[in-house]
PDB file of N, CA and C in Angstrom:
ATOM      1  N   MET A   1       3.937   0.231 -26.800  1.00  0.00           N
ATOM      2  CA  MET A   1       3.739  -0.008 -25.394  1.00  0.00           C
ATOM      3  C   MET A   1       3.780  -1.518 -25.161  1.00  0.00           C
ATOM      4  N   LYS A   2       4.687  -1.959 -24.291  1.00  0.00           N
ATOM      5  CA  LYS A   2       4.786  -3.385 -24.036  1.00  0.00           C
ATOM      6  C   LYS A   2       4.100  -3.754 -22.723  1.00  0.00           C
ATOM      7  N   LYS A   3       3.747  -5.020 -22.601  1.00  0.00           N
ATOM      8  CA  LYS A   3       3.076  -5.528 -21.417  1.00  0.00           C
ATOM      9  C   LYS A   3       4.129  -5.915 -20.382  1.00  0.00           C
ATOM     10  N   ILE A   4       3.965  -5.393 -19.156  1.00  0.00           N
ATOM     11  CA  ILE A   4       4.917  -5.639 -18.090  1.00  0.00           C
ATOM     12  C   ILE A   4       4.165  -6.249 -16.901  1.00  0.00           C
ATOM     13  N   PHE A   5       4.707  -7.335 -16.341  1.00  0.00           N
ATOM     14  CA  PHE A   5       4.134  -7.958 -15.157  1.00  0.00           C
ATOM     15  C   PHE A   5       4.994  -7.593 -13.950  1.00  0.00           C
ATOM     16  N   ILE A   6       4.370  -6.892 -12.995  1.00  0.00           N
ATOM     17  CA  ILE A   6       5.073  -6.524 -11.762  1.00  0.00           C
ATOM     18  C   ILE A   6       4.200  -6.927 -10.583  1.00  0.00           C
ATOM     19  N   ALA A   7       4.726  -7.794  -9.751  1.00  0.00           N
ATOM     20  CA  ALA A   7       4.065  -8.247  -8.528  1.00  0.00           C
ATOM     21  C   ALA A   7       2.652  -8.745  -8.784  1.00  0.00           C
ATOM     22  N   GLY A   8       2.464  -9.485  -9.855  1.00  0.00           N
ATOM     23  CA  GLY A   8       1.164 -10.065 -10.149  1.00  0.00           C
ATOM     24  C   GLY A   8       0.209  -9.144 -10.881  1.00  0.00           C
ATOM     25  N   ARG A   9       0.630  -7.960 -11.211  1.00  0.00           N
ATOM     26  CA  ARG A   9      -0.216  -7.019 -11.961  1.00  0.00           C
ATOM     27  C   ARG A   9       0.329  -6.841 -13.369  1.00  0.00           C
ATOM     28  N   THR A  10      -0.570  -6.664 -14.307  1.00  0.00           N
ATOM     29  CA  THR A  10      -0.181  -6.374 -15.680  1.00  0.00           C
ATOM     30  C   THR A  10      -0.243  -4.868 -15.882  1.00  0.00           C
ATOM     31  N   ILE A  11       0.836  -4.297 -16.414  1.00  0.00           N
ATOM     32  CA  ILE A  11       0.914  -2.853 -16.607  1.00  0.00           C
ATOM     33  C   ILE A  11       1.166  -2.573 -18.076  1.00  0.00           C
ATOM     34  N   PHE A  12       0.344  -1.696 -18.666  1.00  0.00           N
ATOM     35  CA  PHE A  12       0.473  -1.307 -20.058  1.00  0.00           C
ATOM     36  C   PHE A  12       0.868   0.157 -20.194  1.00  0.00           C
ATOM     37  N   SER A  13       1.453   0.726 -19.182  1.00  0.00           N
ATOM     38  CA  SER A  13       1.651   2.165 -19.135  1.00  0.00           C
ATOM     39  C   SER A  13       3.067   2.572 -19.509  1.00  0.00           C
ATOM     40  N   LYS A  14       3.197   3.807 -19.961  1.00  0.00           N
ATOM     41  CA  LYS A  14       4.510   4.394 -20.222  1.00  0.00           C
ATOM     42  C   LYS A  14       4.930   5.299 -19.071  1.00  0.00           C
ATOM     43  N   LYS A  15       4.278   5.123 -17.929  1.00  0.00           N
ATOM     44  CA  LYS A  15       4.596   5.949 -16.771  1.00  0.00           C
ATOM     45  C   LYS A  15       5.973   5.587 -16.219  1.00  0.00           C
ATOM     46  N   SER A  16       6.458   6.436 -15.329  1.00  0.00           N
ATOM     47  CA  SER A  16       7.775   6.204 -14.745  1.00  0.00           C
ATOM     48  C   SER A  16       7.706   5.119 -13.665  1.00  0.00           C
ATOM     49  N   PHE A  17       8.872   4.646 -13.304  1.00  0.00           N
ATOM     50  CA  PHE A  17       9.061   3.652 -12.266  1.00  0.00           C
ATOM     51  C   PHE A  17       8.353   4.086 -10.979  1.00  0.00           C
ATOM     52  N   TYR A  18       8.518   5.352 -10.602  1.00  0.00           N
ATOM     53  CA  TYR A  18       7.925   5.884  -9.381  1.00  0.00           C
ATOM     54  C   TYR A  18       6.402   5.919  -9.470  1.00  0.00           C
ATOM     55  N   GLN A  19       5.847   6.418 -10.579  1.00  0.00           N
ATOM     56  CA  GLN A  19       4.400   6.580 -10.718  1.00  0.00           C
ATOM     57  C   GLN A  19       3.661   5.248 -10.684  1.00  0.00           C
ATOM     58  N   ILE A  20       4.271   4.201 -11.181  1.00  0.00           N
ATOM     59  CA  ILE A  20       3.616   2.894 -11.191  1.00  0.00           C
ATOM     60  C   ILE A  20       3.679   2.246  -9.813  1.00  0.00           C
ATOM     61  N   LEU A  21       4.852   2.235  -9.198  1.00  0.00           N
ATOM     62  CA  LEU A  21       5.025   1.490  -7.948  1.00  0.00           C
ATOM     63  C   LEU A  21       4.473   2.194  -6.719  1.00  0.00           C
ATOM     64  N   ILE A  22       4.295   3.517  -6.763  1.00  0.00           N
ATOM     65  CA  ILE A  22       3.780   4.230  -5.595  1.00  0.00           C
ATOM     66  C   ILE A  22       2.317   3.860  -5.354  1.00  0.00           C
ATOM     67  N   ASN A  23       1.611   3.370  -6.370  1.00  0.00           N
ATOM     68  CA  ASN A  23       0.212   2.991  -6.225  1.00  0.00           C
ATOM     69  C   ASN A  23       0.030   1.591  -5.646  1.00  0.00           C
ATOM     70  N   PHE A  24       1.111   0.848  -5.446  1.00  0.00           N
ATOM     71  CA  PHE A  24       1.019  -0.483  -4.861  1.00  0.00           C
ATOM     72  C   PHE A  24       0.807  -0.340  -3.360  1.00  0.00           C
ATOM     73  N   PHE A  25      -0.129  -1.096  -2.816  1.00  0.00           N
ATOM     74  CA  PHE A  25      -0.432  -1.060  -1.393  1.00  0.00           C
ATOM     75  C   PHE A  25       0.750  -1.628  -0.615  1.00  0.00           C
ATOM     76  N   GLY A  26       1.389  -0.806   0.215  1.00  0.00           N
ATOM     77  CA  GLY A  26       2.504  -1.251   1.024  1.00  0.00           C
ATOM     78  C   GLY A  26       3.832  -0.651   0.622  1.00  0.00           C
ATOM     79  N   LEU A  27       3.879   0.111  -0.461  1.00  0.00           N
ATOM     80  CA  LEU A  27       5.128   0.750  -0.886  1.00  0.00           C
ATOM     81  C   LEU A  27       5.023   2.251  -0.682  1.00  0.00           C
ATOM     82  N   ASN A  28       6.088   2.854  -0.158  1.00  0.00           N
ATOM     83  CA  ASN A  28       6.140   4.299  -0.007  1.00  0.00           C
ATOM     84  C   ASN A  28       7.420   4.821  -0.652  1.00  0.00           C
ATOM     85  N   PHE A  29       7.680   6.101  -0.498  1.00  0.00           N
ATOM     86  CA  PHE A  29       8.812   6.716  -1.192  1.00  0.00           C
ATOM     87  C   PHE A  29      10.145   6.150  -0.728  1.00  0.00           C
ATOM     88  N   SER A  30      10.294   5.939   0.579  1.00  0.00           N
ATOM     89  CA  SER A  30      11.572   5.423   1.076  1.00  0.00           C
ATOM     90  C   SER A  30      11.825   3.995   0.595  1.00  0.00           C
ATOM     91  N   SER A  31      10.786   3.180   0.520  1.00  0.00           N
ATOM     92  CA  SER A  31      10.977   1.825   0.000  1.00  0.00           C
ATOM     93  C   SER A  31      11.294   1.852  -1.497  1.00  0.00           C
ATOM     94  N   LEU A  32      10.730   2.814  -2.228  1.00  0.00           N
ATOM     95  CA  LEU A  32      11.047   2.942  -3.653  1.00  0.00           C
ATOM     96  C   LEU A  32      12.491   3.405  -3.853  1.00  0.00           C
ATOM     97  N   LYS A  33      12.989   4.271  -2.966  1.00  0.00           N
ATOM     98  CA  LYS A  33      14.393   4.670  -3.050  1.00  0.00           C
ATOM     99  C   LYS A  33      15.303   3.483  -2.782  1.00  0.00           C
ATOM    100  N   PHE A  34      14.926   2.626  -1.830  1.00  0.00           N
ATOM    101  CA  PHE A  34      15.683   1.418  -1.532  1.00  0.00           C
ATOM    102  C   PHE A  34      15.709   0.487  -2.749  1.00  0.00           C
ATOM    103  N   ILE A  35      14.551   0.296  -3.366  1.00  0.00           N
ATOM    104  CA  ILE A  35      14.452  -0.580  -4.539  1.00  0.00           C
ATOM    105  C   ILE A  35      15.270  -0.027  -5.697  1.00  0.00           C
ATOM    106  N   SER A  36      15.182   1.282  -5.921  1.00  0.00           N
ATOM    107  CA  SER A  36      15.932   1.864  -7.035  1.00  0.00           C
ATOM    108  C   SER A  36      17.434   1.806  -6.778  1.00  0.00           C
ATOM    109  N   GLY A  37      17.841   1.896  -5.508  1.00  0.00           N
ATOM    110  CA  GLY A  37      19.258   1.775  -5.184  1.00  0.00           C
ATOM    111  C   GLY A  37      19.790   0.379  -5.461  1.00  0.00           C
ATOM    112  N   ILE A  38      18.997  -0.631  -5.132  1.00  0.00           N
ATOM    113  CA  ILE A  38      19.414  -2.008  -5.395  1.00  0.00           C
ATOM    114  C   ILE A  38      19.379  -2.307  -6.886  1.00  0.00           C
ATOM    115  N   ASN A  39      18.300  -1.873  -7.533  1.00  0.00           N
ATOM    116  CA  ASN A  39      18.084  -2.197  -8.946  1.00  0.00           C
ATOM    117  C   ASN A  39      18.960  -1.360  -9.868  1.00  0.00           C
ATOM    118  N   GLY A  40      19.376  -0.185  -9.423  1.00  0.00           N
ATOM    119  CA  GLY A  40      20.205   0.677 -10.247  1.00  0.00           C
ATOM    120  C   GLY A  40      19.418   1.502 -11.245  1.00  0.00           C
ATOM    121  N   LEU A  41      18.111   1.629 -11.029  1.00  0.00           N
ATOM    122  CA  LEU A  41      17.271   2.434 -11.921  1.00  0.00           C
ATOM    123  C   LEU A  41      16.923   3.765 -11.260  1.00  0.00           C
ATOM    124  N   ASN A  42      16.818   4.783 -12.088  1.00  0.00           N
ATOM    125  CA  ASN A  42      16.363   6.074 -11.615  1.00  0.00           C
ATOM    126  C   ASN A  42      14.856   5.995 -11.397  1.00  0.00           C
ATOM    127  N   LEU A  43      14.328   6.728 -10.410  1.00  0.00           N
ATOM    128  CA  LEU A  43      12.895   6.701 -10.145  1.00  0.00           C
ATOM    129  C   LEU A  43      12.072   7.273 -11.291  1.00  0.00           C
ATOM    130  N   LEU A  44      12.665   8.141 -12.092  1.00  0.00           N
ATOM    131  CA  LEU A  44      11.934   8.772 -13.183  1.00  0.00           C
ATOM    132  C   LEU A  44      12.060   8.023 -14.505  1.00  0.00           C
ATOM    133  N   THR A  45      12.757   6.895 -14.509  1.00  0.00           N
ATOM    134  CA  THR A  45      12.919   6.099 -15.723  1.00  0.00           C
ATOM    135  C   THR A  45      11.598   5.466 -16.102  1.00  0.00           C
ATOM    136  N   SER A  46      11.248   5.550 -17.365  1.00  0.00           N
ATOM    137  CA  SER A  46      10.038   4.900 -17.850  1.00  0.00           C
ATOM    138  C   SER A  46      10.264   3.400 -17.921  1.00  0.00           C
ATOM    139  N   LEU A  47       9.319   2.627 -17.412  1.00  0.00           N
ATOM    140  CA  LEU A  47       9.465   1.179 -17.414  1.00  0.00           C
ATOM    141  C   LEU A  47       9.311   0.593 -18.809  1.00  0.00           C
ATOM    142  N   ASP A  48       8.844   1.402 -19.743  1.00  0.00           N
ATOM    143  CA  ASP A  48       8.731   0.956 -21.129  1.00  0.00           C
ATOM    144  C   ASP A  48      10.112   0.793 -21.764  1.00  0.00           C
ATOM    145  N   ASN A  49      11.093   1.565 -21.275  1.00  0.00           N
ATOM    146  CA  ASN A  49      12.445   1.541 -21.838  1.00  0.00           C
ATOM    147  C   ASN A  49      13.400   0.608 -21.097  1.00  0.00           C
ATOM    148  N   VAL A  50      12.928  -0.020 -20.036  1.00  0.00           N
ATOM    149  CA  VAL A  50      13.784  -0.856 -19.190  1.00  0.00           C
ATOM    150  C   VAL A  50      13.852  -2.270 -19.770  1.00  0.00           C
ATOM    151  N   PRO A  51      15.054  -2.875 -19.814  1.00  0.00           N
ATOM    152  CA  PRO A  51      15.161  -4.261 -20.299  1.00  0.00           C
ATOM    153  C   PRO A  51      14.424  -5.244 -19.387  1.00  0.00           C
ATOM    154  N   GLN A  52      14.054  -6.382 -19.939  1.00  0.00           N
ATOM    155  CA  GLN A  52      13.270  -7.381 -19.216  1.00  0.00           C
ATOM    156  C   GLN A  52      14.030  -7.955 -18.010  1.00  0.00           C
ATOM    157  N   THR A  53      15.347  -7.992 -18.069  1.00  0.00           N
ATOM    158  CA  THR A  53      16.117  -8.523 -16.940  1.00  0.00           C
ATOM    159  C   THR A  53      15.944  -7.649 -15.699  1.00  0.00           C
ATOM    160  N   TYR A  54      15.850  -6.327 -15.890  1.00  0.00           N
ATOM    161  CA  TYR A  54      15.606  -5.432 -14.767  1.00  0.00           C
ATOM    162  C   TYR A  54      14.218  -5.667 -14.167  1.00  0.00           C
ATOM    163  N   ILE A  55      13.254  -5.958 -15.031  1.00  0.00           N
ATOM    164  CA  ILE A  55      11.891  -6.220 -14.556  1.00  0.00           C
ATOM    165  C   ILE A  55      11.868  -7.491 -13.704  1.00  0.00           C
ATOM    166  N   HIS A  56      12.560  -8.539 -14.146  1.00  0.00           N
ATOM    167  CA  HIS A  56      12.637  -9.777 -13.365  1.00  0.00           C
ATOM    168  C   HIS A  56      13.332  -9.518 -12.026  1.00  0.00           C
ATOM    169  N   PHE A  57      14.400  -8.737 -12.073  1.00  0.00           N
ATOM    170  CA  PHE A  57      15.126  -8.397 -10.843  1.00  0.00           C
ATOM    171  C   PHE A  57      14.231  -7.603  -9.893  1.00  0.00           C
ATOM    172  N   LEU A  58      13.445  -6.679 -10.440  1.00  0.00           N
ATOM    173  CA  LEU A  58      12.513  -5.882  -9.651  1.00  0.00           C
ATOM    174  C   LEU A  58      11.458  -6.773  -9.003  1.00  0.00           C
ATOM    175  N   ASN A  59      10.918  -7.734  -9.742  1.00  0.00           N
ATOM    176  CA  ASN A  59       9.938  -8.664  -9.187  1.00  0.00           C
ATOM    177  C   ASN A  59      10.529  -9.485  -8.051  1.00  0.00           C
ATOM    178  N   ASN A  60      11.778  -9.919  -8.205  1.00  0.00           N
ATOM    179  CA  ASN A  60      12.433 -10.690  -7.151  1.00  0.00           C
ATOM    180  C   ASN A  60      12.644  -9.840  -5.894  1.00  0.00           C
ATOM    181  N   ILE A  61      13.026  -8.588  -6.069  1.00  0.00           N
ATOM    182  CA  ILE A  61      13.213  -7.684  -4.930  1.00  0.00           C
ATOM    183  C   ILE A  61      11.898  -7.493  -4.191  1.00  0.00           C
ATOM    184  N   LEU A  62      10.826  -7.259  -4.936  1.00  0.00           N
ATOM    185  CA  LEU A  62       9.522  -7.046  -4.310  1.00  0.00           C
ATOM    186  C   LEU A  62       9.038  -8.292  -3.580  1.00  0.00           C
ATOM    187  N   ARG A  63       9.258  -9.449  -4.165  1.00  0.00           N
ATOM    188  CA  ARG A  63       8.775 -10.692  -3.573  1.00  0.00           C
ATOM    189  C   ARG A  63       9.564 -11.062  -2.311  1.00  0.00           C
ATOM    190  N   LEU A  64      10.867 -10.827  -2.315  1.00  0.00           N
ATOM    191  CA  LEU A  64      11.704 -11.265  -1.202  1.00  0.00           C
ATOM    192  C   LEU A  64      11.784 -10.261  -0.059  1.00  0.00           C
ATOM    193  N   ASN A  65      11.713  -8.975  -0.338  1.00  0.00           N
ATOM    194  CA  ASN A  65      11.966  -7.959   0.682  1.00  0.00           C
ATOM    195  C   ASN A  65      10.727  -7.239   1.203  1.00  0.00           C
ATOM    196  N   PHE A  66       9.602  -7.336   0.506  1.00  0.00           N
ATOM    197  CA  PHE A  66       8.436  -6.540   0.886  1.00  0.00           C
ATOM    198  C   PHE A  66       7.185  -7.397   0.943  1.00  0.00           C
ATOM    199  N   ILE A  67       6.298  -7.051   1.858  1.00  0.00           N
ATOM    200  CA  ILE A  67       4.978  -7.651   1.913  1.00  0.00           C
ATOM    201  C   ILE A  67       4.041  -6.610   1.320  1.00  0.00           C
ATOM    202  N   ILE A  68       3.476  -6.902   0.171  1.00  0.00           N
ATOM    203  CA  ILE A  68       2.665  -5.896  -0.515  1.00  0.00           C
ATOM    204  C   ILE A  68       1.344  -6.486  -0.969  1.00  0.00           C
ATOM    205  N   LEU A  69       0.469  -5.600  -1.384  1.00  0.00           N
ATOM    206  CA  LEU A  69      -0.811  -5.879  -2.007  1.00  0.00           C
ATOM    207  C   LEU A  69      -1.713  -6.764  -1.147  1.00  0.00           C
ATOM    208  N   LYS A  70      -2.161  -7.873  -1.655  1.00  0.00           N
ATOM    209  CA  LYS A  70      -3.186  -8.677  -0.989  1.00  0.00           C
ATOM    210  C   LYS A  70      -2.717  -9.246   0.345  1.00  0.00           C
ATOM    211  N   ILE A  71      -1.466  -9.657   0.427  1.00  0.00           N
ATOM    212  CA  ILE A  71      -0.953 -10.251   1.663  1.00  0.00           C
ATOM    213  C   ILE A  71      -0.943  -9.203   2.780  1.00  0.00           C
ATOM    214  N   LEU A  72      -0.482  -7.990   2.467  1.00  0.00           N
ATOM    215  CA  LEU A  72      -0.436  -6.932   3.472  1.00  0.00           C
ATOM    216  C   LEU A  72      -1.842  -6.507   3.880  1.00  0.00           C
ATOM    217  N   HIS A  73      -2.734  -6.393   2.914  1.00  0.00           N
ATOM    218  CA  HIS A  73      -4.109  -6.007   3.210  1.00  0.00           C
ATOM    219  C   HIS A  73      -4.780  -7.066   4.092  1.00  0.00           C
ATOM    220  N   LYS A  74      -4.508  -8.335   3.811  1.00  0.00           N
ATOM    221  CA  LYS A  74      -5.071  -9.421   4.599  1.00  0.00           C
ATOM    222  C   LYS A  74      -4.560  -9.368   6.036  1.00  0.00           C
ATOM    223  N   LYS A  75      -3.255  -9.096   6.220  1.00  0.00           N
ATOM    224  CA  LYS A  75      -2.692  -8.964   7.562  1.00  0.00           C
ATOM    225  C   LYS A  75      -3.342  -7.812   8.320  1.00  0.00           C
ATOM    226  N   TYR A  76      -3.552  -6.684   7.629  1.00  0.00           N
ATOM    227  CA  TYR A  76      -4.153  -5.511   8.246  1.00  0.00           C
ATOM    228  C   TYR A  76      -5.587  -5.807   8.699  1.00  0.00           C
ATOM    229  N   VAL A  77      -6.350  -6.485   7.857  1.00  0.00           N
ATOM    230  CA  VAL A  77      -7.725  -6.825   8.207  1.00  0.00           C
ATOM    231  C   VAL A  77      -7.756  -7.787   9.391  1.00  0.00           C
ATOM    232  N   LEU A  78      -6.814  -8.740   9.433  1.00  0.00           N
ATOM    233  CA  LEU A  78      -6.764  -9.678  10.554  1.00  0.00           C
ATOM    234  C   LEU A  78      -6.436  -8.970  11.865  1.00  0.00           C
ATOM    235  N   VAL A  79      -5.551  -7.974  11.818  1.00  0.00           N
ATOM    236  CA  VAL A  79      -5.213  -7.208  13.025  1.00  0.00           C
ATOM    237  C   VAL A  79      -6.432  -6.438  13.523  1.00  0.00           C
ATOM    238  N   LEU A  80      -7.180  -5.813  12.598  1.00  0.00           N
ATOM    239  CA  LEU A  80      -8.373  -5.067  13.000  1.00  0.00           C
ATOM    240  C   LEU A  80      -9.428  -6.004  13.575  1.00  0.00           C
ATOM    241  N   ARG A  81      -9.602  -7.159  12.973  1.00  0.00           N
ATOM    242  CA  ARG A  81     -10.570  -8.136  13.466  1.00  0.00           C
ATOM    243  C   ARG A  81     -10.178  -8.623  14.864  1.00  0.00           C
ATOM    244  N   PHE A  82      -8.872  -8.821  15.077  1.00  0.00           N
ATOM    245  CA  PHE A  82      -8.381  -9.239  16.388  1.00  0.00           C
ATOM    246  C   PHE A  82      -8.652  -8.162  17.433  1.00  0.00           C
ATOM    247  N   GLU A  83      -8.428  -6.888  17.066  1.00  0.00           N
ATOM    248  CA  GLU A  83      -8.692  -5.775  17.991  1.00  0.00           C
ATOM    249  C   GLU A  83     -10.161  -5.747  18.381  1.00  0.00           C
ATOM    250  N   LYS A  84     -11.052  -5.962  17.412  1.00  0.00           N
ATOM    251  CA  LYS A  84     -12.483  -5.936  17.705  1.00  0.00           C
ATOM    252  C   LYS A  84     -12.867  -7.096  18.625  1.00  0.00           C
ATOM    253  N   ARG A  85     -12.346  -8.283  18.342  1.00  0.00           N
ATOM    254  CA  ARG A  85     -12.668  -9.464  19.131  1.00  0.00           C
ATOM    255  C   ARG A  85     -12.107  -9.359  20.546  1.00  0.00           C
ATOM    256  N   LEU A  86     -10.962  -8.720  20.680  1.00  0.00           N
ATOM    257  CA  LEU A  86     -10.316  -8.569  21.970  1.00  0.00           C
ATOM    258  C   LEU A  86     -11.098  -7.628  22.882  1.00  0.00           C
ATOM    259  N   GLY A  87     -11.812  -6.670  22.280  1.00  0.00           N
ATOM    260  CA  GLY A  87     -12.593  -5.727  23.069  1.00  0.00           C
ATOM    261  C   GLY A  87     -11.768  -4.577  23.593  1.00  0.00           C
ATOM    262  N   SER A  88     -10.640  -4.295  22.939  1.00  0.00           N
ATOM    263  CA  SER A  88      -9.805  -3.174  23.371  1.00  0.00           C
ATOM    264  C   SER A  88     -10.491  -1.860  23.028  1.00  0.00           C
ATOM    265  N   TYR A  89      -9.921  -0.775  23.527  1.00  0.00           N
ATOM    266  CA  TYR A  89     -10.489   0.549  23.277  1.00  0.00           C
ATOM    267  C   TYR A  89     -10.546   0.838  21.782  1.00  0.00           C
ATOM    268  N   ARG A  90      -9.470   0.502  21.100  1.00  0.00           N
ATOM    269  CA  ARG A  90      -9.426   0.719  19.650  1.00  0.00           C
ATOM    270  C   ARG A  90     -10.472  -0.146  18.944  1.00  0.00           C
ATOM    271  N   GLY A  91     -10.637  -1.373  19.387  1.00  0.00           N
ATOM    272  CA  GLY A  91     -11.628  -2.260  18.791  1.00  0.00           C
ATOM    273  C   GLY A  91     -13.039  -1.755  18.992  1.00  0.00           C
ATOM    274  N   LEU A  92     -13.320  -1.223  20.178  1.00  0.00           N
ATOM    275  CA  LEU A  92     -14.650  -0.673  20.438  1.00  0.00           C
ATOM    276  C   LEU A  92     -14.923   0.532  19.550  1.00  0.00           C
ATOM    277  N   ARG A  93     -13.924   1.398  19.401  1.00  0.00           N
ATOM    278  CA  ARG A  93     -14.100   2.577  18.541  1.00  0.00           C
ATOM    279  C   ARG A  93     -14.291   2.156  17.085  1.00  0.00           C
ATOM    280  N   LEU A  94     -13.593   1.105  16.667  1.00  0.00           N
ATOM    281  CA  LEU A  94     -13.774   0.602  15.306  1.00  0.00           C
ATOM    282  C   LEU A  94     -15.183   0.072  15.112  1.00  0.00           C
ATOM    283  N   ASN A  95     -15.705  -0.655  16.090  1.00  0.00           N
ATOM    284  CA  ASN A  95     -17.059  -1.185  15.997  1.00  0.00           C
ATOM    285  C   ASN A  95     -18.106  -0.083  15.936  1.00  0.00           C
ATOM    286  N   LEU A  96     -17.859   0.996  16.667  1.00  0.00           N
ATOM    287  CA  LEU A  96     -18.816   2.100  16.694  1.00  0.00           C
ATOM    288  C   LEU A  96     -18.687   3.021  15.484  1.00  0.00           C
ATOM    289  N   GLY A  97     -17.631   2.876  14.723  1.00  0.00           N
ATOM    290  CA  GLY A  97     -17.436   3.735  13.552  1.00  0.00           C
ATOM    291  C   GLY A  97     -16.887   5.097  13.903  1.00  0.00           C
ATOM    292  N   LEU A  98     -16.248   5.201  15.048  1.00  0.00           N
ATOM    293  CA  LEU A  98     -15.679   6.468  15.494  1.00  0.00           C
ATOM    294  C   LEU A  98     -14.189   6.496  15.202  1.00  0.00           C
ATOM    295  N   PRO A  99     -13.580   7.698  15.149  1.00  0.00           N
ATOM    296  CA  PRO A  99     -12.133   7.772  14.923  1.00  0.00           C
ATOM    297  C   PRO A  99     -11.386   7.179  16.113  1.00  0.00           C
ATOM    298  N   ASN A 100     -10.325   6.426  15.843  1.00  0.00           N
ATOM    299  CA  ASN A 100      -9.653   5.720  16.925  1.00  0.00           C
ATOM    300  C   ASN A 100      -8.184   6.067  17.057  1.00  0.00           C
ATOM    301  N   ARG A 101      -7.729   7.123  16.430  1.00  0.00           N
ATOM    302  CA  ARG A 101      -6.315   7.491  16.538  1.00  0.00           C
ATOM    303  C   ARG A 101      -6.141   8.863  17.172  1.00  0.00           C
ATOM    304  N   GLY A 102      -7.000   9.197  18.102  1.00  0.00           N
ATOM    305  CA  GLY A 102      -6.834  10.416  18.870  1.00  0.00           C
ATOM    306  C   GLY A 102      -7.472  11.653  18.271  1.00  0.00           C
ATOM    307  N   GLN A 103      -8.257  11.511  17.204  1.00  0.00           N
ATOM    308  CA  GLN A 103      -8.896  12.680  16.629  1.00  0.00           C
ATOM    309  C   GLN A 103     -10.030  13.163  17.532  1.00  0.00           C
ATOM    310  N   ARG A 104     -10.313  14.449  17.427  1.00  0.00           N
ATOM    311  CA  ARG A 104     -11.398  15.013  18.209  1.00  0.00           C
ATOM    312  C   ARG A 104     -12.737  14.587  17.616  1.00  0.00           C
ATOM    313  N   THR A 105     -13.725  14.415  18.469  1.00  0.00           N
ATOM    314  CA  THR A 105     -15.064  14.125  17.957  1.00  0.00           C
ATOM    315  C   THR A 105     -16.013  15.285  18.206  1.00  0.00           C
ATOM    316  N   HIS A 106     -15.544  16.292  18.942  1.00  0.00           N
ATOM    317  CA  HIS A 106     -16.423  17.433  19.196  1.00  0.00           C
ATOM    318  C   HIS A 106     -16.554  18.304  17.949  1.00  0.00           C
ATOM    319  N   SER A 107     -15.415  18.654  17.349  1.00  0.00           N
ATOM    320  CA  SER A 107     -15.479  19.516  16.175  1.00  0.00           C
ATOM    321  C   SER A 107     -15.147  18.761  14.889  1.00  0.00           C
ATOM    322  N   ASN A 108     -14.314  17.749  14.984  1.00  0.00           N
ATOM    323  CA  ASN A 108     -13.934  16.983  13.795  1.00  0.00           C
ATOM    324  C   ASN A 108     -14.701  15.666  13.763  1.00  0.00           C
ATOM    325  N   ALA A 109     -14.573  14.955  12.669  1.00  0.00           N
ATOM    326  CA  ALA A 109     -15.124  13.615  12.500  1.00  0.00           C
ATOM    327  C   ALA A 109     -16.640  13.594  12.652  1.00  0.00           C
ATOM    328  N   LYS A 110     -17.310  14.659  12.242  1.00  0.00           N
ATOM    329  CA  LYS A 110     -18.764  14.681  12.361  1.00  0.00           C
ATOM    330  C   LYS A 110     -19.410  13.678  11.423  1.00  0.00           C
ATOM    331  N   THR A 111     -18.776  13.415  10.306  1.00  0.00           N
ATOM    332  CA  THR A 111     -19.367  12.434   9.390  1.00  0.00           C
ATOM    333  C   THR A 111     -19.341  11.049  10.016  1.00  0.00           C
ATOM    334  N   ALA A 112     -18.279  10.732  10.748  1.00  0.00           N
ATOM    335  CA  ALA A 112     -18.210   9.434  11.417  1.00  0.00           C
ATOM    336  C   ALA A 112     -19.282   9.350  12.503  1.00  0.00           C
ATOM    337  N   ARG A 113     -19.499  10.442  13.224  1.00  0.00           N
ATOM    338  CA  ARG A 113     -20.516  10.430  14.278  1.00  0.00           C
ATOM    339  C   ARG A 113     -21.912  10.373  13.681  1.00  0.00           C
ATOM    340  N   LYS A 114     -22.122  11.035  12.544  1.00  0.00           N
ATOM    341  CA  LYS A 114     -23.446  11.031  11.917  1.00  0.00           C
ATOM    342  C   LYS A 114     -23.846   9.617  11.502  1.00  0.00           C
ATOM    343  N   ARG A 115     -22.875   8.868  11.001  1.00  0.00           N
ATOM    344  CA  ARG A 115     -23.155   7.501  10.583  1.00  0.00           C
ATOM    345  C   ARG A 115     -23.658   6.679  11.769  1.00  0.00           C
ATOM    346  N   PHE A 116     -23.061   6.908  12.934  1.00  0.00           N
ATOM    347  CA  PHE A 116     -23.395   6.089  14.099  1.00  0.00           C
ATOM    348  C   PHE A 116     -24.689   6.557  14.779  1.00  0.00           C
ATOM    349  N   PHE A 117     -24.820   7.868  14.968  1.00  0.00           N
ATOM    350  CA  PHE A 117     -25.915   8.376  15.777  1.00  0.00           C
ATOM    351  C   PHE A 117     -27.192   8.652  15.001  1.00  0.00           C
ATOM    352  N   SER A 118     -27.166   8.611  13.706  1.00  0.00           N
ATOM    353  CA  SER A 118     -28.402   8.923  12.976  1.00  0.00           C
ATOM    354  C   SER A 118     -29.170   7.675  12.625  1.00  0.00           C
TER     355      SER A 118
END
């Protein structure tokens, strides 16, 4: 098992290309299909068998074309903080701990309501 560095993470796994990258915050199946199309690797290929040049190429693709991991999470947190500070409906629901994407609160989301009202 060799040590592989992908997007700032060290990976010691013999898992497939798909299984490793799907756990990265900001990547989904369609983006993985795009990456595999550019890189020329099958999604089920084990990264243990891939030459180092493909790994470097994969890192360059991720760095140039995608916002992932800490940067994306930081952007998401800043957007939520802005919503709360703005006082919008979504921001108020976030502050109260209630669901803010149209879910019902009468029958669903009782755990969210319990946190607030108890």
